Amino acid sequence: MRSRGLAALAQNLTRLSLTTDGVFSEGWTDQLAIVSGTVDDGMTASLLGRL
């Protein structure tokens, strides 16, 4: 049963594109965090906000 659900999900994902997606269509690079630091010393993630 679970593998059927995963197969359906994979099939749906083949129809998705970054150019037609409602979130990423304006530019996926603006959706990525900028991460700095190290695992040992701690890490910081920054997101760009546009108004």
PDB file of N, CA and C in Angstrom:
ATOM      1  N   MET A   1       0.823  -1.188   0.000  1.00  0.00           N
ATOM      2  CA  MET A   1       0.000   0.000   0.000  1.00  0.00           C
ATOM      3  C   MET A   1       0.869   1.254   0.000  1.00  0.00           C
ATOM      4  N   ARG A   2       1.890   1.283   0.825  1.00  0.00           N
ATOM      5  CA  ARG A   2       2.738   2.461   0.918  1.00  0.00           C
ATOM      6  C   ARG A   2       3.475   2.736  -0.392  1.00  0.00           C
ATOM      7  N   SER A   3       3.945   1.685  -1.052  1.00  0.00           N
ATOM      8  CA  SER A   3       4.678   1.894  -2.300  1.00  0.00           C
ATOM      9  C   SER A   3       3.772   2.469  -3.388  1.00  0.00           C
ATOM     10  N   ARG A   4       2.465   2.133  -3.364  1.00  0.00           N
ATOM     11  CA  ARG A   4       1.531   2.719  -4.328  1.00  0.00           C
ATOM     12  C   ARG A   4       1.410   4.227  -4.099  1.00  0.00           C
ATOM     13  N   GLY A   5       1.362   4.636  -2.841  1.00  0.00           N
ATOM     14  CA  GLY A   5       1.289   6.059  -2.516  1.00  0.00           C
ATOM     15  C   GLY A   5       2.539   6.800  -2.962  1.00  0.00           C
ATOM     16  N   LEU A   6       3.686   6.185  -2.766  1.00  0.00           N
ATOM     17  CA  LEU A   6       4.942   6.804  -3.197  1.00  0.00           C
ATOM     18  C   LEU A   6       5.026   6.881  -4.715  1.00  0.00           C
ATOM     19  N   ALA A   7       4.523   5.871  -5.386  1.00  0.00           N
ATOM     20  CA  ALA A   7       4.526   5.884  -6.847  1.00  0.00           C
ATOM     21  C   ALA A   7       3.637   7.005  -7.371  1.00  0.00           C
ATOM     22  N   ALA A   8       2.481   7.204  -6.744  1.00  0.00           N
ATOM     23  CA  ALA A   8       1.583   8.287  -7.145  1.00  0.00           C
ATOM     24  C   ALA A   8       2.227   9.644  -6.895  1.00  0.00           C
ATOM     25  N   LEU A   9       2.905   9.787  -5.771  1.00  0.00           N
ATOM     26  CA  LEU A   9       3.602  11.035  -5.465  1.00  0.00           C
ATOM     27  C   LEU A   9       4.687  11.304  -6.505  1.00  0.00           C
ATOM     28  N   ALA A  10       5.461  10.306  -6.830  1.00  0.00           N
ATOM     29  CA  ALA A  10       6.524  10.468  -7.829  1.00  0.00           C
ATOM     30  C   ALA A  10       5.937  10.865  -9.180  1.00  0.00           C
ATOM     31  N   GLN A  11       4.806  10.273  -9.548  1.00  0.00           N
ATOM     32  CA  GLN A  11       4.150  10.618 -10.814  1.00  0.00           C
ATOM     33  C   GLN A  11       3.691  12.070 -10.802  1.00  0.00           C
ATOM     34  N   ASN A  12       3.127  12.528  -9.688  1.00  0.00           N
ATOM     35  CA  ASN A  12       2.690  13.920  -9.582  1.00  0.00           C
ATOM     36  C   ASN A  12       3.867  14.886  -9.672  1.00  0.00           C
ATOM     37  N   LEU A  13       4.989  14.524  -9.103  1.00  0.00           N
ATOM     38  CA  LEU A  13       6.166  15.397  -9.118  1.00  0.00           C
ATOM     39  C   LEU A  13       6.728  15.578 -10.529  1.00  0.00           C
ATOM     40  N   THR A  14       6.496  14.612 -11.416  1.00  0.00           N
ATOM     41  CA  THR A  14       6.993  14.748 -12.792  1.00  0.00           C
ATOM     42  C   THR A  14       6.283  15.879 -13.531  1.00  0.00           C
ATOM     43  N   ARG A  15       5.103  16.273 -13.054  1.00  0.00           N
ATOM     44  CA  ARG A  15       4.343  17.355 -13.695  1.00  0.00           C
ATOM     45  C   ARG A  15       4.694  18.724 -13.137  1.00  0.00           C
ATOM     46  N   LEU A  16       5.535  18.766 -12.139  1.00  0.00           N
ATOM     47  CA  LEU A  16       5.889  20.014 -11.476  1.00  0.00           C
ATOM     48  C   LEU A  16       7.141  20.621 -12.096  1.00  0.00           C
ATOM     49  N   SER A  17       7.157  21.926 -12.223  1.00  0.00           N
ATOM     50  CA  SER A  17       8.328  22.609 -12.749  1.00  0.00           C
ATOM     51  C   SER A  17       8.540  23.896 -11.964  1.00  0.00           C
ATOM     52  N   LEU A  18       9.778  24.328 -11.845  1.00  0.00           N
ATOM     53  CA  LEU A  18      10.072  25.555 -11.109  1.00  0.00           C
ATOM     54  C   LEU A  18       9.492  26.787 -11.808  1.00  0.00           C
ATOM     55  N   THR A  19       9.279  26.719 -13.109  1.00  0.00           N
ATOM     56  CA  THR A  19       8.747  27.876 -13.834  1.00  0.00           C
ATOM     57  C   THR A  19       7.235  28.005 -13.697  1.00  0.00           C
ATOM     58  N   THR A  20       6.545  26.915 -13.379  1.00  0.00           N
ATOM     59  CA  THR A  20       5.090  26.991 -13.253  1.00  0.00           C
ATOM     60  C   THR A  20       4.605  26.877 -11.814  1.00  0.00           C
ATOM     61  N   ASP A  21       5.475  26.554 -10.890  1.00  0.00           N
ATOM     62  CA  ASP A  21       5.108  26.411  -9.490  1.00  0.00           C
ATOM     63  C   ASP A  21       4.696  27.768  -8.917  1.00  0.00           C
ATOM     64  N   GLY A  22       3.660  27.792  -8.078  1.00  0.00           N
ATOM     65  CA  GLY A  22       3.160  29.038  -7.501  1.00  0.00           C
ATOM     66  C   GLY A  22       4.126  29.716  -6.538  1.00  0.00           C
ATOM     67  N   VAL A  23       5.007  28.981  -5.921  1.00  0.00           N
ATOM     68  CA  VAL A  23       5.957  29.556  -4.966  1.00  0.00           C
ATOM     69  C   VAL A  23       7.262  29.930  -5.650  1.00  0.00           C
ATOM     70  N   PHE A  24       7.785  29.049  -6.468  1.00  0.00           N
ATOM     71  CA  PHE A  24       9.119  29.220  -7.018  1.00  0.00           C
ATOM     72  C   PHE A  24       9.154  29.877  -8.396  1.00  0.00           C
ATOM     73  N   SER A  25       8.000  30.158  -8.987  1.00  0.00           N
ATOM     74  CA  SER A  25       7.992  30.687 -10.352  1.00  0.00           C
ATOM     75  C   SER A  25       8.618  32.073 -10.469  1.00  0.00           C
ATOM     76  N   GLU A  26       8.683  32.818  -9.372  1.00  0.00           N
ATOM     77  CA  GLU A  26       9.302  34.147  -9.408  1.00  0.00           C
ATOM     78  C   GLU A  26      10.807  34.088  -9.234  1.00  0.00           C
ATOM     79  N   GLY A  27      11.337  32.921  -9.034  1.00  0.00           N
ATOM     80  CA  GLY A  27      12.778  32.759  -8.875  1.00  0.00           C
ATOM     81  C   GLY A  27      13.090  31.889  -7.681  1.00  0.00           C
ATOM     82  N   TRP A  28      13.584  30.718  -7.930  1.00  0.00           N
ATOM     83  CA  TRP A  28      13.849  29.794  -6.829  1.00  0.00           C
ATOM     84  C   TRP A  28      15.062  30.188  -6.013  1.00  0.00           C
ATOM     85  N   THR A  29      15.983  30.974  -6.565  1.00  0.00           N
ATOM     86  CA  THR A  29      17.178  31.343  -5.805  1.00  0.00           C
ATOM     87  C   THR A  29      16.825  32.219  -4.609  1.00  0.00           C
ATOM     88  N   ASP A  30      15.724  32.962  -4.700  1.00  0.00           N
ATOM     89  CA  ASP A  30      15.290  33.779  -3.568  1.00  0.00           C
ATOM     90  C   ASP A  30      14.671  32.944  -2.452  1.00  0.00           C
ATOM     91  N   GLN A  31      14.414  31.680  -2.699  1.00  0.00           N
ATOM     92  CA  GLN A  31      13.808  30.803  -1.705  1.00  0.00           C
ATOM     93  C   GLN A  31      14.857  30.025  -0.903  1.00  0.00           C
ATOM     94  N   LEU A  32      16.132  30.195  -1.236  1.00  0.00           N
ATOM     95  CA  LEU A  32      17.196  29.456  -0.561  1.00  0.00           C
ATOM     96  C   LEU A  32      17.764  30.254   0.593  1.00  0.00           C
ATOM     97  N   ALA A  33      18.082  29.563   1.654  1.00  0.00           N
ATOM     98  CA  ALA A  33      18.729  30.205   2.797  1.00  0.00           C
ATOM     99  C   ALA A  33      20.228  30.307   2.557  1.00  0.00           C
ATOM    100  N   ILE A  34      20.829  31.332   3.125  1.00  0.00           N
ATOM    101  CA  ILE A  34      22.282  31.471   3.138  1.00  0.00           C
ATOM    102  C   ILE A  34      22.736  30.940   4.492  1.00  0.00           C
ATOM    103  N   VAL A  35      23.536  29.886   4.482  1.00  0.00           N
ATOM    104  CA  VAL A  35      23.946  29.216   5.707  1.00  0.00           C
ATOM    105  C   VAL A  35      25.429  29.460   5.934  1.00  0.00           C
ATOM    106  N   SER A  36      25.775  29.822   7.169  1.00  0.00           N
ATOM    107  CA  SER A  36      27.184  30.030   7.512  1.00  0.00           C
ATOM    108  C   SER A  36      27.475  29.372   8.856  1.00  0.00           C
ATOM    109  N   GLY A  37      28.739  29.189   9.138  1.00  0.00           N
ATOM    110  CA  GLY A  37      29.155  28.582  10.398  1.00  0.00           C
ATOM    111  C   GLY A  37      29.570  27.139  10.213  1.00  0.00           C
ATOM    112  N   THR A  38      29.783  26.470  11.328  1.00  0.00           N
ATOM    113  CA  THR A  38      30.169  25.062  11.312  1.00  0.00           C
ATOM    114  C   THR A  38      29.274  24.285  12.274  1.00  0.00           C
ATOM    115  N   VAL A  39      29.259  22.981  12.119  1.00  0.00           N
ATOM    116  CA  VAL A  39      28.465  22.139  13.013  1.00  0.00           C
ATOM    117  C   VAL A  39      28.977  22.270  14.436  1.00  0.00           C
ATOM    118  N   ASP A  40      30.299  22.314  14.599  1.00  0.00           N
ATOM    119  CA  ASP A  40      30.882  22.389  15.941  1.00  0.00           C
ATOM    120  C   ASP A  40      30.623  23.734  16.613  1.00  0.00           C
ATOM    121  N   ASP A  41      30.719  24.823  15.863  1.00  0.00           N
ATOM    122  CA  ASP A  41      30.592  26.160  16.446  1.00  0.00           C
ATOM    123  C   ASP A  41      29.177  26.727  16.368  1.00  0.00           C
ATOM    124  N   GLY A  42      28.331  26.098  15.605  1.00  0.00           N
ATOM    125  CA  GLY A  42      26.967  26.585  15.428  1.00  0.00           C
ATOM    126  C   GLY A  42      26.790  27.168  14.038  1.00  0.00           C
ATOM    127  N   MET A  43      25.596  27.077  13.551  1.00  0.00           N
ATOM    128  CA  MET A  43      25.304  27.541  12.200  1.00  0.00           C
ATOM    129  C   MET A  43      24.180  28.572  12.241  1.00  0.00           C
ATOM    130  N   THR A  44      24.191  29.460  11.266  1.00  0.00           N
ATOM    131  CA  THR A  44      23.168  30.482  11.122  1.00  0.00           C
ATOM    132  C   THR A  44      22.618  30.412   9.710  1.00  0.00           C
ATOM    133  N   ALA A  45      21.296  30.497   9.588  1.00  0.00           N
ATOM    134  CA  ALA A  45      20.654  30.536   8.268  1.00  0.00           C
ATOM    135  C   ALA A  45      19.931  31.866   8.147  1.00  0.00           C
ATOM    136  N   SER A  46      20.124  32.519   7.003  1.00  0.00           N
ATOM    137  CA  SER A  46      19.493  33.805   6.738  1.00  0.00           C
ATOM    138  C   SER A  46      18.621  33.694   5.498  1.00  0.00           C
ATOM    139  N   LEU A  47      17.457  34.345   5.550  1.00  0.00           N
ATOM    140  CA  LEU A  47      16.554  34.377   4.407  1.00  0.00           C
ATOM    141  C   LEU A  47      16.367  35.817   3.964  1.00  0.00           C
ATOM    142  N   LEU A  48      16.290  36.026   2.676  1.00  0.00           N
ATOM    143  CA  LEU A  48      16.075  37.340   2.108  1.00  0.00           C
ATOM    144  C   LEU A  48      14.579  37.622   2.100  1.00  0.00           C
ATOM    145  N   GLY A  49      14.182  38.776   2.607  1.00  0.00           N
ATOM    146  CA  GLY A  49      12.780  39.168   2.574  1.00  0.00           C
ATOM    147  C   GLY A  49      12.589  40.345   1.629  1.00  0.00           C
ATOM    148  N   ARG A  50      11.613  40.250   0.751  1.00  0.00           N
ATOM    149  CA  ARG A  50      11.338  41.338  -0.200  1.00  0.00           C
ATOM    150  C   ARG A  50       9.923  41.820   0.018  1.00  0.00           C
ATOM    151  N   LEU A  51       9.765  43.122  -0.035  1.00  0.00           N
ATOM    152  CA  LEU A  51       8.436  43.722   0.099  1.00  0.00           C
ATOM    153  C   LEU A  51       8.001  44.331  -1.193  1.00  0.00           C
TER     154      LEU A  51
END
